[in-house]
């Protein structure tokens, strides 16, 4: 199965041409987006903790960014 076969699967599942075009732009299917977003949030969380632990940001700034990250 090729890298872009998910586009055909999207058409078969009844997705609109607009949704398929969006998937072409980002390179993944809509049902994969949640997992990718979760991975990105985890990476941001690890970076935020690292900044806190190294003293790059204050505890108040850490709390503010943490709140924004997990909205």
C-alpha atoms as a PDB file:
ATOM      1  CA  UNK A   1       0.000   0.000   0.000  1.00  0.00           C
ATOM      2  CA  UNK A   2       1.411   3.377  -1.011  1.00  0.00           C
ATOM      3  CA  UNK A   3       1.898   6.396   1.196  1.00  0.00           C
ATOM      4  CA  UNK A   4      -1.093   8.180  -0.324  1.00  0.00           C
ATOM      5  CA  UNK A   5      -3.563   5.281  -0.379  1.00  0.00           C
ATOM      6  CA  UNK A   6      -5.391   6.865   2.540  1.00  0.00           C
ATOM      7  CA  UNK A   7      -6.695   9.471   0.091  1.00  0.00           C
ATOM      8  CA  UNK A   8      -8.523   6.753  -1.839  1.00  0.00           C
ATOM      9  CA  UNK A   9      -9.763   5.335   1.450  1.00  0.00           C
ATOM     10  CA  UNK A  10     -11.095   8.770   2.404  1.00  0.00           C
ATOM     11  CA  UNK A  11     -13.014   8.964  -0.876  1.00  0.00           C
ATOM     12  CA  UNK A  12     -14.380   5.448  -0.256  1.00  0.00           C
ATOM     13  CA  UNK A  13     -15.461   6.510   3.255  1.00  0.00           C
ATOM     14  CA  UNK A  14     -17.395   9.432   1.818  1.00  0.00           C
ATOM     15  CA  UNK A  15     -15.166  12.359   2.765  1.00  0.00           C
ATOM     16  CA  UNK A  16     -15.647  15.562   0.788  1.00  0.00           C
ATOM     17  CA  UNK A  17     -13.148  16.751  -1.794  1.00  0.00           C
ATOM     18  CA  UNK A  18     -12.305  19.630   0.573  1.00  0.00           C
ATOM     19  CA  UNK A  19     -11.423  17.183   3.361  1.00  0.00           C
ATOM     20  CA  UNK A  20      -9.336  15.101   0.970  1.00  0.00           C
ATOM     21  CA  UNK A  21      -7.502  18.221  -0.219  1.00  0.00           C
ATOM     22  CA  UNK A  22      -6.800  19.124   3.414  1.00  0.00           C
ATOM     23  CA  UNK A  23      -5.426  15.657   4.039  1.00  0.00           C
ATOM     24  CA  UNK A  24      -3.167  16.020   1.003  1.00  0.00           C
ATOM     25  CA  UNK A  25      -1.805  19.261   2.438  1.00  0.00           C
ATOM     26  CA  UNK A  26      -0.998  17.831   5.865  1.00  0.00           C
ATOM     27  CA  UNK A  27      -0.040  14.324   4.744  1.00  0.00           C
ATOM     28  CA  UNK A  28      -2.279  12.272   7.022  1.00  0.00           C
ATOM     29  CA  UNK A  29      -5.876  11.114   7.269  1.00  0.00           C
ATOM     30  CA  UNK A  30      -8.359  12.772   9.659  1.00  0.00           C
ATOM     31  CA  UNK A  31      -8.600   9.643  11.814  1.00  0.00           C
ATOM     32  CA  UNK A  32      -4.823   9.819  12.363  1.00  0.00           C
ATOM     33  CA  UNK A  33      -4.953  13.444  13.531  1.00  0.00           C
ATOM     34  CA  UNK A  34      -5.879  12.736  17.155  1.00  0.00           C
ATOM     35  CA  UNK A  35      -2.853  10.522  17.705  1.00  0.00           C
ATOM     36  CA  UNK A  36      -0.555  13.013  16.048  1.00  0.00           C
ATOM     37  CA  UNK A  37      -1.959  15.881  18.127  1.00  0.00           C
ATOM     38  CA  UNK A  38      -1.447  13.823  21.286  1.00  0.00           C
ATOM     39  CA  UNK A  39       2.200  13.177  20.354  1.00  0.00           C
ATOM     40  CA  UNK A  40       2.784  16.863  19.664  1.00  0.00           C
ATOM     41  CA  UNK A  41       1.201  17.866  22.988  1.00  0.00           C
ATOM     42  CA  UNK A  42       3.390  15.329  24.812  1.00  0.00           C
ATOM     43  CA  UNK A  43       6.514  16.746  23.156  1.00  0.00           C
ATOM     44  CA  UNK A  44       5.507  20.292  24.124  1.00  0.00           C
ATOM     45  CA  UNK A  45       4.868  19.123  27.700  1.00  0.00           C
ATOM     46  CA  UNK A  46       8.320  17.529  27.920  1.00  0.00           C
ATOM     47  CA  UNK A  47       9.921  20.715  26.588  1.00  0.00           C
ATOM     48  CA  UNK A  48       7.964  22.820  29.074  1.00  0.00           C
ATOM     49  CA  UNK A  49       9.084  20.639  31.991  1.00  0.00           C
ATOM     50  CA  UNK A  50      12.664  20.869  30.767  1.00  0.00           C
ATOM     51  CA  UNK A  51      12.464  24.668  30.672  1.00  0.00           C
ATOM     52  CA  UNK A  52      11.051  24.700  34.198  1.00  0.00           C
ATOM     53  CA  UNK A  53      13.694  22.326  35.533  1.00  0.00           C
ATOM     54  CA  UNK A  54      16.555  24.271  33.954  1.00  0.00           C
ATOM     55  CA  UNK A  55      15.252  27.580  35.306  1.00  0.00           C
ATOM     56  CA  UNK A  56      14.603  29.046  31.844  1.00  0.00           C
ATOM     57  CA  UNK A  57      11.075  29.976  32.903  1.00  0.00           C
ATOM     58  CA  UNK A  58       9.590  30.991  36.237  1.00  0.00           C
ATOM     59  CA  UNK A  59       7.094  28.841  38.146  1.00  0.00           C
ATOM     60  CA  UNK A  60       4.367  31.353  37.271  1.00  0.00           C
ATOM     61  CA  UNK A  61       5.225  31.187  33.567  1.00  0.00           C
ATOM     62  CA  UNK A  62       5.294  27.368  33.787  1.00  0.00           C
ATOM     63  CA  UNK A  63       1.823  27.321  35.297  1.00  0.00           C
ATOM     64  CA  UNK A  64       0.511  29.725  32.654  1.00  0.00           C
ATOM     65  CA  UNK A  65       1.926  27.691  29.765  1.00  0.00           C
ATOM     66  CA  UNK A  66       0.764  24.427  31.312  1.00  0.00           C
ATOM     67  CA  UNK A  67      -2.780  25.782  31.528  1.00  0.00           C
ATOM     68  CA  UNK A  68      -2.654  26.863  27.881  1.00  0.00           C
ATOM     69  CA  UNK A  69      -1.256  23.510  26.764  1.00  0.00           C
ATOM     70  CA  UNK A  70      -3.978  21.431  28.394  1.00  0.00           C
ATOM     71  CA  UNK A  71      -7.036  23.565  27.569  1.00  0.00           C
END
